[in-house]
Amino acid sequence: MERVIGSDTVKRGLAQMLKGGVIMDVTNAEQARIAEEAGACAVMALERVPADIRAQGGVARMADPEKILEIMEAVSIPVMAKCRIGHFVEAQILEALGVDFIDESEVLTPADEEHHIDKRKFKVPFVCGARNLGEALRR
């Protein structure tokens, strides 16, 4: 049987698995293992907490690919990672790494305030914050 990747059925199925669960922010493999053992349904791979980066005057970007891979190798639960709004290259990198979900995140420093990534060009599912259904559908 041929494996189907990135279909609407697969994307919805992965999202359904996370429903009602806790997604823990982690910055290293040890934290990811602890989160999995504590019952997290997924982990969000971060290099540092974005609010701390911005508070120090820095630019909050996608986590280092090596850090993401380290976290992915440490756990069996889904691994999510953030990319900046509008930064399709970061999203391409995350998809190539094999993350389970990409979060086009408003908590990172936006690359483009107005234009979001065209998610139809990706096989990996995306998540994002939205104030209402209309906004969610536009993203």
C-alpha atoms as a PDB file:
ATOM      1  CA  MET A   1       0.000   0.000   0.000  1.00  0.00           C
ATOM      2  CA  GLU A   2       1.300   3.436  -0.940  1.00  0.00           C
ATOM      3  CA  ARG A   3       1.871   5.830   1.943  1.00  0.00           C
ATOM      4  CA  VAL A   4      -0.149   9.045   1.676  1.00  0.00           C
ATOM      5  CA  ILE A   5       1.647  12.090   3.026  1.00  0.00           C
ATOM      6  CA  GLY A   6       0.164  15.525   3.423  1.00  0.00           C
ATOM      7  CA  SER A   7      -3.389  14.716   2.376  1.00  0.00           C
ATOM      8  CA  ASP A   8      -6.274  16.498   4.067  1.00  0.00           C
ATOM      9  CA  THR A   9      -7.166  13.198   5.763  1.00  0.00           C
ATOM     10  CA  VAL A  10      -3.673  12.845   7.222  1.00  0.00           C
ATOM     11  CA  LYS A  11      -3.536  16.484   8.319  1.00  0.00           C
ATOM     12  CA  ARG A  12      -6.933  16.288  10.045  1.00  0.00           C
ATOM     13  CA  GLY A  13      -6.047  12.953  11.647  1.00  0.00           C
ATOM     14  CA  LEU A  14      -2.865  14.359  13.178  1.00  0.00           C
ATOM     15  CA  ALA A  15      -4.751  17.372  14.510  1.00  0.00           C
ATOM     16  CA  GLN A  16      -7.456  15.115  15.961  1.00  0.00           C
ATOM     17  CA  MET A  17      -4.755  13.188  17.886  1.00  0.00           C
ATOM     18  CA  LEU A  18      -3.775  16.403  19.690  1.00  0.00           C
ATOM     19  CA  LYS A  19      -7.316  17.424  20.615  1.00  0.00           C
ATOM     20  CA  GLY A  20      -7.662  17.863  24.358  1.00  0.00           C
ATOM     21  CA  GLY A  21      -3.979  17.210  25.007  1.00  0.00           C
ATOM     22  CA  VAL A  22      -1.145  19.331  26.340  1.00  0.00           C
ATOM     23  CA  ILE A  23       1.566  20.642  24.021  1.00  0.00           C
ATOM     24  CA  MET A  24       4.680  21.508  26.032  1.00  0.00           C
ATOM     25  CA  ASP A  25       7.294  24.086  25.011  1.00  0.00           C
ATOM     26  CA  VAL A  26      10.759  22.523  25.241  1.00  0.00           C
ATOM     27  CA  THR A  27      14.264  23.778  24.514  1.00  0.00           C
ATOM     28  CA  ASN A  28      16.241  20.530  24.643  1.00  0.00           C
ATOM     29  CA  ALA A  29      15.986  16.749  24.429  1.00  0.00           C
ATOM     30  CA  GLU A  30      15.870  16.269  28.212  1.00  0.00           C
ATOM     31  CA  GLN A  31      12.865  18.578  28.562  1.00  0.00           C
ATOM     32  CA  ALA A  32      11.189  16.791  25.636  1.00  0.00           C
ATOM     33  CA  ARG A  33      11.633  13.390  27.309  1.00  0.00           C
ATOM     34  CA  ILE A  34      10.235  14.744  30.591  1.00  0.00           C
ATOM     35  CA  ALA A  35       7.232  16.216  28.740  1.00  0.00           C
ATOM     36  CA  GLU A  36       6.560  12.897  27.001  1.00  0.00           C
ATOM     37  CA  GLU A  37       6.835  10.950  30.267  1.00  0.00           C
ATOM     38  CA  ALA A  38       4.432  13.440  31.907  1.00  0.00           C
ATOM     39  CA  GLY A  39       1.815  12.735  29.249  1.00  0.00           C
ATOM     40  CA  ALA A  40       2.214  15.598  26.776  1.00  0.00           C
ATOM     41  CA  CYS A  41       0.556  14.829  23.437  1.00  0.00           C
ATOM     42  CA  ALA A  42       3.231  16.833  21.568  1.00  0.00           C
ATOM     43  CA  VAL A  43       6.167  19.176  22.142  1.00  0.00           C
ATOM     44  CA  MET A  44       6.968  22.564  20.613  1.00  0.00           C
ATOM     45  CA  ALA A  45      10.696  22.736  19.851  1.00  0.00           C
ATOM     46  CA  LEU A  46      12.091  26.154  20.760  1.00  0.00           C
ATOM     47  CA  GLU A  47      15.640  27.427  20.972  1.00  0.00           C
ATOM     48  CA  ARG A  48      14.635  29.921  23.663  1.00  0.00           C
ATOM     49  CA  VAL A  49      11.374  31.403  24.861  1.00  0.00           C
ATOM     50  CA  PRO A  50      10.435  34.031  22.222  1.00  0.00           C
ATOM     51  CA  ALA A  51       9.293  36.608  24.820  1.00  0.00           C
ATOM     52  CA  ASP A  52      12.722  36.421  26.508  1.00  0.00           C
ATOM     53  CA  ILE A  53      14.494  36.943  23.172  1.00  0.00           C
ATOM     54  CA  ARG A  54      12.419  40.022  22.323  1.00  0.00           C
ATOM     55  CA  ALA A  55      12.771  41.422  25.864  1.00  0.00           C
ATOM     56  CA  GLN A  56      16.539  41.362  25.340  1.00  0.00           C
ATOM     57  CA  GLY A  57      16.185  43.253  22.049  1.00  0.00           C
ATOM     58  CA  GLY A  58      16.720  40.227  19.820  1.00  0.00           C
ATOM     59  CA  VAL A  59      14.834  38.825  16.852  1.00  0.00           C
ATOM     60  CA  ALA A  60      12.823  35.696  17.635  1.00  0.00           C
ATOM     61  CA  ARG A  61      13.380  33.261  14.741  1.00  0.00           C
ATOM     62  CA  MET A  62      12.851  29.586  14.028  1.00  0.00           C
ATOM     63  CA  ALA A  63      14.853  27.325  16.367  1.00  0.00           C
ATOM     64  CA  ASP A  64      18.201  25.983  15.172  1.00  0.00           C
ATOM     65  CA  PRO A  65      17.654  22.916  12.949  1.00  0.00           C
ATOM     66  CA  GLU A  66      20.158  20.866  14.975  1.00  0.00           C
ATOM     67  CA  LYS A  67      18.202  21.612  18.168  1.00  0.00           C
ATOM     68  CA  ILE A  68      14.957  20.563  16.478  1.00  0.00           C
ATOM     69  CA  LEU A  69      16.514  17.296  15.244  1.00  0.00           C
ATOM     70  CA  GLU A  70      17.879  16.604  18.745  1.00  0.00           C
ATOM     71  CA  ILE A  71      14.382  16.984  20.190  1.00  0.00           C
ATOM     72  CA  MET A  72      12.813  14.871  17.424  1.00  0.00           C
ATOM     73  CA  GLU A  73      15.248  12.027  18.117  1.00  0.00           C
ATOM     74  CA  ALA A  74      14.487  12.121  21.856  1.00  0.00           C
ATOM     75  CA  VAL A  75      10.719  11.487  21.752  1.00  0.00           C
ATOM     76  CA  SER A  76       8.075   9.401  20.028  1.00  0.00           C
ATOM     77  CA  ILE A  77       5.292  12.010  20.301  1.00  0.00           C
ATOM     78  CA  PRO A  78       4.725  14.656  17.582  1.00  0.00           C
ATOM     79  CA  VAL A  79       7.234  17.506  17.429  1.00  0.00           C
ATOM     80  CA  MET A  80       6.078  20.957  16.369  1.00  0.00           C
ATOM     81  CA  ALA A  81       8.264  23.954  15.523  1.00  0.00           C
ATOM     82  CA  LYS A  82       7.606  27.639  14.927  1.00  0.00           C
ATOM     83  CA  CYS A  83       8.404  29.741  11.884  1.00  0.00           C
ATOM     84  CA  ARG A  84       7.916  33.468  11.422  1.00  0.00           C
ATOM     85  CA  ILE A  85       4.778  34.792   9.748  1.00  0.00           C
ATOM     86  CA  GLY A  86       5.418  35.031   6.022  1.00  0.00           C
ATOM     87  CA  HIS A  87       8.815  33.287   6.122  1.00  0.00           C
ATOM     88  CA  PHE A  88       8.260  30.454   3.657  1.00  0.00           C
ATOM     89  CA  VAL A  89      11.954  29.461   3.682  1.00  0.00           C
ATOM     90  CA  GLU A  90      11.821  28.706   7.410  1.00  0.00           C
ATOM     91  CA  ALA A  91       8.705  26.608   6.730  1.00  0.00           C
ATOM     92  CA  GLN A  92      10.511  24.748   3.922  1.00  0.00           C
ATOM     93  CA  ILE A  93      13.399  23.981   6.288  1.00  0.00           C
ATOM     94  CA  LEU A  94      11.020  22.681   8.963  1.00  0.00           C
ATOM     95  CA  GLU A  95       9.227  20.482   6.436  1.00  0.00           C
ATOM     96  CA  ALA A  96      12.580  19.102   5.209  1.00  0.00           C
ATOM     97  CA  LEU A  97      13.548  18.300   8.819  1.00  0.00           C
ATOM     98  CA  GLY A  98      10.371  16.246   9.159  1.00  0.00           C
ATOM     99  CA  VAL A  99       8.548  18.076  11.950  1.00  0.00           C
ATOM    100  CA  ASP A 100       4.981  16.911  12.496  1.00  0.00           C
ATOM    101  CA  PHE A 101       3.401  20.396  12.530  1.00  0.00           C
ATOM    102  CA  ILE A 102       4.572  23.915  11.687  1.00  0.00           C
ATOM    103  CA  ASP A 103       3.315  26.842  13.764  1.00  0.00           C
ATOM    104  CA  GLU A 104       3.346  30.047  11.694  1.00  0.00           C
ATOM    105  CA  SER A 105       3.623  32.051  14.856  1.00  0.00           C
ATOM    106  CA  GLU A 106       2.801  35.597  15.813  1.00  0.00           C
ATOM    107  CA  VAL A 107       5.009  35.260  18.911  1.00  0.00           C
ATOM    108  CA  LEU A 108       8.104  35.229  16.699  1.00  0.00           C
ATOM    109  CA  THR A 109       9.303  38.387  14.960  1.00  0.00           C
ATOM    110  CA  PRO A 110       7.224  38.530  11.731  1.00  0.00           C
ATOM    111  CA  ALA A 111       9.076  38.380   8.418  1.00  0.00           C
ATOM    112  CA  ASP A 112       5.995  39.811   6.684  1.00  0.00           C
ATOM    113  CA  GLU A 113       3.204  41.445   8.677  1.00  0.00           C
ATOM    114  CA  GLU A 114       0.563  41.088   5.935  1.00  0.00           C
ATOM    115  CA  HIS A 115       1.300  38.002   3.845  1.00  0.00           C
ATOM    116  CA  HIS A 116       1.126  34.594   5.429  1.00  0.00           C
ATOM    117  CA  ILE A 117       2.729  31.451   4.009  1.00  0.00           C
ATOM    118  CA  ASP A 118       0.744  29.656   1.288  1.00  0.00           C
ATOM    119  CA  LYS A 119       0.188  26.412   3.185  1.00  0.00           C
ATOM    120  CA  ARG A 120      -1.231  24.606   0.148  1.00  0.00           C
ATOM    121  CA  LYS A 121       2.331  24.236  -1.139  1.00  0.00           C
ATOM    122  CA  PHE A 122       3.326  22.120   1.871  1.00  0.00           C
ATOM    123  CA  LYS A 123       2.643  18.523   2.825  1.00  0.00           C
ATOM    124  CA  VAL A 124       3.154  19.095   6.555  1.00  0.00           C
ATOM    125  CA  PRO A 125       0.148  20.512   8.447  1.00  0.00           C
ATOM    126  CA  PHE A 126       0.247  24.007   9.926  1.00  0.00           C
ATOM    127  CA  VAL A 127      -1.237  25.448  13.097  1.00  0.00           C
ATOM    128  CA  CYS A 128      -1.634  29.138  13.876  1.00  0.00           C
ATOM    129  CA  GLY A 129      -3.387  31.469  16.227  1.00  0.00           C
ATOM    130  CA  ALA A 130      -6.473  33.278  14.984  1.00  0.00           C
ATOM    131  CA  ARG A 131      -9.103  35.562  16.484  1.00  0.00           C
ATOM    132  CA  ASN A 132     -11.962  34.049  14.482  1.00  0.00           C
ATOM    133  CA  LEU A 133     -12.794  31.435  11.850  1.00  0.00           C
ATOM    134  CA  GLY A 134     -12.501  33.888   8.956  1.00  0.00           C
ATOM    135  CA  GLU A 135      -8.978  34.843   9.980  1.00  0.00           C
ATOM    136  CA  ALA A 136      -8.048  31.189  10.430  1.00  0.00           C
ATOM    137  CA  LEU A 137      -9.292  30.318   6.938  1.00  0.00           C
ATOM    138  CA  ARG A 138      -7.338  33.205   5.384  1.00  0.00           C
ATOM    139  CA  ARG A 139      -4.151  32.014   7.030  1.00  0.00           C
END
